[in-house]
Amino acid sequence: MFSPEGPSLRELAVQALSSVERGYDLLAPKFDHTPFRTPDSVLDAVGTALRRMGPFGTGLDLCCGTGAGVGTLARVCERGVVGVDFSAGMLDVARRRVRPSAGGPALSWVRADARALPFGPAFDVVVSFGAFGHFLPAELPGLFAQVRSVLRPGGRFVFPVVAPPRPASRAYWALLGFDVAMRVRNAVWRPPFVMYYRTFALGEVRRELARAGFAVELYALPEFGHRRDGSPRVRMVAARRLP
């Protein structure tokens, strides 16, 4: 799962016993060599779908980490792209690794909590990749309200969602085991490290987006094919901010 350049078992243990912010500060230099980074195949598929919707003026990568999603946005936005994250370590890596291209949009980086964004309605598109496990279900209404507040009317909130594994699969039990281990860890250790893989259910997410003032559309990402029942393996949620 990890390349030789990735973190050691000891480094992962130290991260797991830290707060979310401190943990990612520690992991940042080696984050791109872990399976936690969104794969390029997902970034490219979302970028292809965004090109069909765009172009856009300005974009925001929510919980941008080391900036992989900022690079995707830079290919579909004409004026500017902002990466926001609450980990100073991740932003430091992003600044070094993602550079503006000649003729491309301006890039900027902001340290902030996604639950208290320091922007007005300045963006045409907001994306997020792989960050929602850090938010408890009760936090989604506030999170989605924040996203809506920084989008211009008609702007889009876009993110990929992978179909949940079948109960009989190894992946299902692996994710269940991880979530159980995290709940036990958070019951006995402080500060908590919120990272759950099974709390971001598409049905509930659609309902909360609608309550927050979005019109929700789903797009299959054909690059990942379909499951045996014909449903897409990966969908892209595109939630349009209503007036």
Protein backbone atom coordinates (compact mmCIF):
# COMPACT_ATOMS: atom_id res chain seq x y z
CA MET A 1 0.00 0.00 0.00
CA PHE A 2 2.91 2.37 0.67
CA SER A 3 5.89 3.15 -1.52
CA PRO A 4 9.42 3.12 -0.04
CA GLU A 5 9.21 6.93 0.12
CA GLY A 6 6.08 6.75 2.27
CA PRO A 7 5.80 7.01 6.06
CA SER A 8 7.08 4.31 8.36
CA LEU A 9 4.82 2.35 10.70
CA ARG A 10 6.13 4.42 13.60
CA GLU A 11 5.35 7.68 11.79
CA LEU A 12 1.82 6.47 11.05
CA ALA A 13 1.34 5.53 14.70
CA VAL A 14 2.44 8.98 15.85
CA GLN A 15 0.07 10.57 13.36
CA ALA A 16 -2.83 8.37 14.47
CA LEU A 17 -2.34 9.46 18.09
CA SER A 18 -2.30 13.16 17.19
CA SER A 19 -5.11 15.58 16.38
CA VAL A 20 -6.27 15.70 12.76
CA GLU A 21 -4.42 18.97 12.15
CA ARG A 22 -1.18 17.89 13.82
CA GLY A 23 -1.37 14.46 12.21
CA TYR A 24 -1.50 15.93 8.73
CA ASP A 25 1.26 18.41 9.53
CA LEU A 26 3.44 15.41 10.36
CA LEU A 27 2.35 13.35 7.35
CA ALA A 28 2.54 16.17 4.79
CA PRO A 29 6.10 15.59 3.44
CA LYS A 30 5.28 11.96 2.60
CA PHE A 31 1.53 12.24 1.96
CA ASP A 32 1.79 11.88 -1.82
CA HIS A 33 3.46 8.50 -1.32
CA THR A 34 0.51 7.04 0.59
CA PRO A 35 -2.80 5.51 -0.56
CA PHE A 36 -4.60 8.41 1.15
CA ARG A 37 -3.83 10.74 -1.75
CA THR A 38 -6.60 10.80 -4.36
CA PRO A 39 -5.47 8.72 -7.36
CA ASP A 40 -4.65 10.55 -10.58
CA SER A 41 -7.27 8.44 -12.36
CA VAL A 42 -10.02 10.00 -10.19
CA LEU A 43 -8.61 13.52 -10.60
CA ASP A 44 -8.41 13.10 -14.37
CA ALA A 45 -11.96 11.72 -14.64
CA VAL A 46 -13.40 14.61 -12.63
CA GLY A 47 -11.33 17.05 -14.69
CA THR A 48 -12.76 15.61 -17.91
CA ALA A 49 -16.31 15.99 -16.59
CA LEU A 50 -15.62 19.55 -15.44
CA ARG A 51 -14.30 20.52 -18.86
CA ARG A 52 -17.67 19.55 -20.32
CA MET A 53 -19.41 21.83 -17.79
CA GLY A 54 -16.96 24.74 -17.96
CA PRO A 55 -14.97 26.74 -18.44
CA PHE A 56 -15.20 28.40 -15.04
CA GLY A 57 -13.86 31.72 -13.84
CA THR A 58 -12.63 30.97 -10.33
CA GLY A 59 -12.36 27.74 -8.37
CA LEU A 60 -11.78 26.55 -4.80
CA ASP A 61 -10.30 23.23 -3.72
CA LEU A 62 -11.80 22.51 -0.29
CA CYS A 63 -9.44 20.63 2.05
CA CYS A 64 -6.82 20.74 -0.69
CA GLY A 65 -4.07 18.84 1.09
CA THR A 66 -0.93 18.82 -1.05
CA GLY A 67 -2.76 20.46 -3.93
CA ALA A 68 -3.58 17.64 -6.35
CA GLY A 69 -7.12 18.98 -6.87
CA VAL A 70 -5.80 22.50 -7.41
CA GLY A 71 -3.93 21.20 -10.43
CA THR A 72 -7.18 19.74 -11.76
CA LEU A 73 -9.03 23.03 -11.24
CA ALA A 74 -6.25 25.01 -12.92
CA ARG A 75 -7.08 23.23 -16.17
CA VAL A 76 -10.74 24.30 -16.14
CA CYS A 77 -10.63 27.76 -14.50
CA GLU A 78 -9.60 30.88 -16.37
CA ARG A 79 -8.94 33.50 -13.69
CA GLY A 80 -7.92 32.02 -10.37
CA VAL A 81 -7.81 28.93 -8.17
CA VAL A 82 -7.56 28.82 -4.38
CA GLY A 83 -6.54 25.85 -2.25
CA VAL A 84 -7.77 25.91 1.35
CA ASP A 85 -6.72 23.55 4.14
CA PHE A 86 -6.31 23.77 7.90
CA SER A 87 -2.93 21.97 7.92
CA ALA A 88 -0.03 24.36 7.52
CA GLY A 89 2.23 21.42 6.69
CA MET A 90 0.05 20.28 3.79
CA LEU A 91 -0.14 23.82 2.42
CA ASP A 92 3.65 24.18 2.59
CA VAL A 93 4.03 21.07 0.43
CA ALA A 94 1.30 22.26 -1.94
CA ARG A 95 3.02 25.61 -2.50
CA ARG A 96 6.24 23.85 -3.50
CA ARG A 97 4.70 21.17 -5.69
CA VAL A 98 1.93 23.00 -7.56
CA ARG A 99 3.16 25.95 -9.58
CA PRO A 100 1.12 28.29 -11.80
CA SER A 101 1.60 27.66 -15.51
CA ALA A 102 2.26 30.31 -18.13
CA GLY A 103 -1.08 31.67 -19.28
CA GLY A 104 -2.93 29.71 -16.61
CA PRO A 105 -4.97 31.01 -13.67
CA ALA A 106 -3.39 32.55 -10.61
CA LEU A 107 -2.95 30.13 -7.70
CA SER A 108 -3.23 31.03 -4.02
CA TRP A 109 -3.27 29.11 -0.75
CA VAL A 110 -5.27 29.87 2.39
CA ARG A 111 -5.10 28.21 5.79
CA ALA A 112 -8.64 27.92 7.15
CA ASP A 113 -11.17 25.48 8.54
CA ALA A 114 -13.71 24.30 5.97
CA ARG A 115 -16.42 24.87 8.60
CA ALA A 116 -15.59 28.61 8.75
CA LEU A 117 -14.47 29.73 5.30
CA PRO A 118 -13.06 33.28 5.07
CA PHE A 119 -14.57 34.11 1.68
CA GLY A 120 -17.63 35.76 0.26
CA PRO A 121 -19.50 34.40 -2.80
CA ALA A 122 -16.41 34.54 -5.01
CA PHE A 123 -16.24 31.14 -6.73
CA ASP A 124 -17.85 29.48 -9.73
CA VAL A 125 -16.87 25.95 -8.72
CA VAL A 126 -15.80 24.26 -5.49
CA VAL A 127 -14.28 20.77 -5.54
CA SER A 128 -13.20 18.40 -2.80
CA PHE A 129 -11.39 15.07 -2.99
CA GLY A 130 -11.31 12.50 -0.23
CA ALA A 131 -11.83 14.83 2.73
CA PHE A 132 -15.38 14.11 3.87
CA GLY A 133 -14.41 11.32 6.26
CA HIS A 134 -13.05 14.04 8.53
CA PHE A 135 -16.55 15.44 9.11
CA LEU A 136 -19.15 13.78 11.30
CA PRO A 137 -22.65 13.44 9.81
CA ALA A 138 -23.96 16.14 12.16
CA GLU A 139 -21.42 18.56 10.66
CA LEU A 140 -22.56 18.19 7.06
CA PRO A 141 -25.35 20.83 7.19
CA GLY A 142 -22.89 23.46 8.41
CA LEU A 143 -20.23 22.37 5.94
CA PHE A 144 -22.60 22.53 2.98
CA ALA A 145 -23.91 25.91 4.13
CA GLN A 146 -20.31 27.18 4.13
CA VAL A 147 -19.76 25.92 0.59
CA ARG A 148 -22.97 27.54 -0.58
CA SER A 149 -21.91 30.84 0.97
CA VAL A 150 -18.72 31.02 -1.10
CA LEU A 151 -20.34 30.08 -4.43
CA ARG A 152 -21.87 32.55 -6.82
CA PRO A 153 -25.51 31.79 -7.77
CA GLY A 154 -25.43 28.94 -10.25
CA GLY A 155 -21.96 27.86 -9.07
CA ARG A 156 -21.18 24.16 -8.65
CA PHE A 157 -20.01 22.06 -5.74
CA VAL A 158 -18.36 18.98 -7.25
CA PHE A 159 -16.87 15.83 -5.73
CA PRO A 160 -16.51 12.13 -6.62
CA VAL A 161 -18.24 9.36 -4.66
CA VAL A 162 -17.15 5.73 -4.88
CA ALA A 163 -19.87 3.09 -4.65
CA PRO A 164 -19.74 1.33 -1.25
CA PRO A 165 -18.27 -2.18 -1.28
CA ARG A 166 -20.57 -5.17 -1.03
CA PRO A 167 -21.01 -6.68 2.46
CA ALA A 168 -19.45 -9.94 1.30
CA SER A 169 -16.27 -8.27 0.04
CA ARG A 170 -12.94 -7.91 1.82
CA ALA A 171 -13.05 -4.14 1.23
CA TYR A 172 -16.31 -3.87 3.19
CA TRP A 173 -14.86 -5.62 6.23
CA ALA A 174 -11.58 -3.72 5.97
CA LEU A 175 -13.39 -0.37 6.02
CA LEU A 176 -15.70 -1.51 8.80
CA GLY A 177 -12.71 -2.65 10.84
CA PHE A 178 -10.94 0.69 10.29
CA ASP A 179 -13.98 2.66 11.41
CA VAL A 180 -14.44 0.50 14.51
CA ALA A 181 -10.75 0.93 15.38
CA MET A 182 -11.04 4.72 15.00
CA ARG A 183 -14.11 4.83 17.24
CA VAL A 184 -12.32 2.83 19.93
CA ARG A 185 -9.26 5.08 19.59
CA ASN A 186 -11.39 8.22 19.96
CA ALA A 187 -13.22 6.76 22.97
CA VAL A 188 -9.99 6.25 24.92
CA TRP A 189 -7.56 8.86 23.55
CA ARG A 190 -7.54 12.63 23.25
CA PRO A 191 -7.41 14.65 21.11
CA PRO A 192 -9.74 12.81 18.72
CA PHE A 193 -8.71 11.95 15.18
CA VAL A 194 -11.87 12.05 13.07
CA MET A 195 -11.51 9.84 9.98
CA TYR A 196 -14.34 7.49 9.13
CA TYR A 197 -14.83 5.83 5.75
CA ARG A 198 -18.46 4.75 6.18
CA THR A 199 -20.25 7.90 7.41
CA PHE A 200 -20.56 9.74 4.07
CA ALA A 201 -23.63 8.01 2.61
CA LEU A 202 -24.77 9.31 -0.78
CA GLY A 203 -28.49 9.31 0.04
CA GLU A 204 -28.04 11.42 3.16
CA VAL A 205 -25.56 13.69 1.39
CA ARG A 206 -28.08 14.41 -1.37
CA ARG A 207 -30.76 15.26 1.17
CA GLU A 208 -28.46 17.61 3.09
CA LEU A 209 -27.31 19.33 -0.08
CA ALA A 210 -30.91 19.92 -1.08
CA ARG A 211 -31.70 21.36 2.37
CA ALA A 212 -28.69 23.67 2.05
CA GLY A 213 -30.00 25.16 -1.19
CA PHE A 214 -28.47 23.03 -3.94
CA ALA A 215 -29.93 21.26 -6.94
CA VAL A 216 -28.10 17.94 -7.05
CA GLU A 217 -27.10 16.11 -10.21
CA LEU A 218 -25.21 12.82 -10.45
CA TYR A 219 -22.89 11.85 -13.28
CA ALA A 220 -21.37 8.43 -13.80
CA LEU A 221 -17.63 8.53 -14.40
CA PRO A 222 -17.35 6.00 -17.24
CA GLU A 223 -13.62 5.56 -16.79
CA PHE A 224 -14.34 3.25 -13.83
CA GLY A 225 -17.02 1.06 -15.39
CA HIS A 226 -20.04 -0.47 -13.69
CA ARG A 227 -20.79 -3.05 -11.04
CA ARG A 228 -22.61 -6.29 -11.75
CA ASP A 229 -25.99 -4.67 -11.08
CA GLY A 230 -25.26 -1.99 -13.69
CA SER A 231 -24.68 0.85 -11.23
CA PRO A 232 -21.57 3.05 -11.70
CA ARG A 233 -18.51 2.25 -9.64
CA VAL A 234 -17.77 5.96 -9.27
CA ARG A 235 -20.16 8.91 -9.55
CA MET A 236 -19.53 12.62 -9.58
CA VAL A 237 -21.87 14.81 -7.56
CA ALA A 238 -22.44 18.23 -9.12
CA ALA A 239 -24.56 20.36 -6.78
CA ARG A 240 -25.66 23.68 -8.30
CA ARG A 241 -26.24 26.60 -5.95
CA LEU A 242 -29.81 27.81 -6.30
CA PRO A 243 -30.60 31.55 -6.09
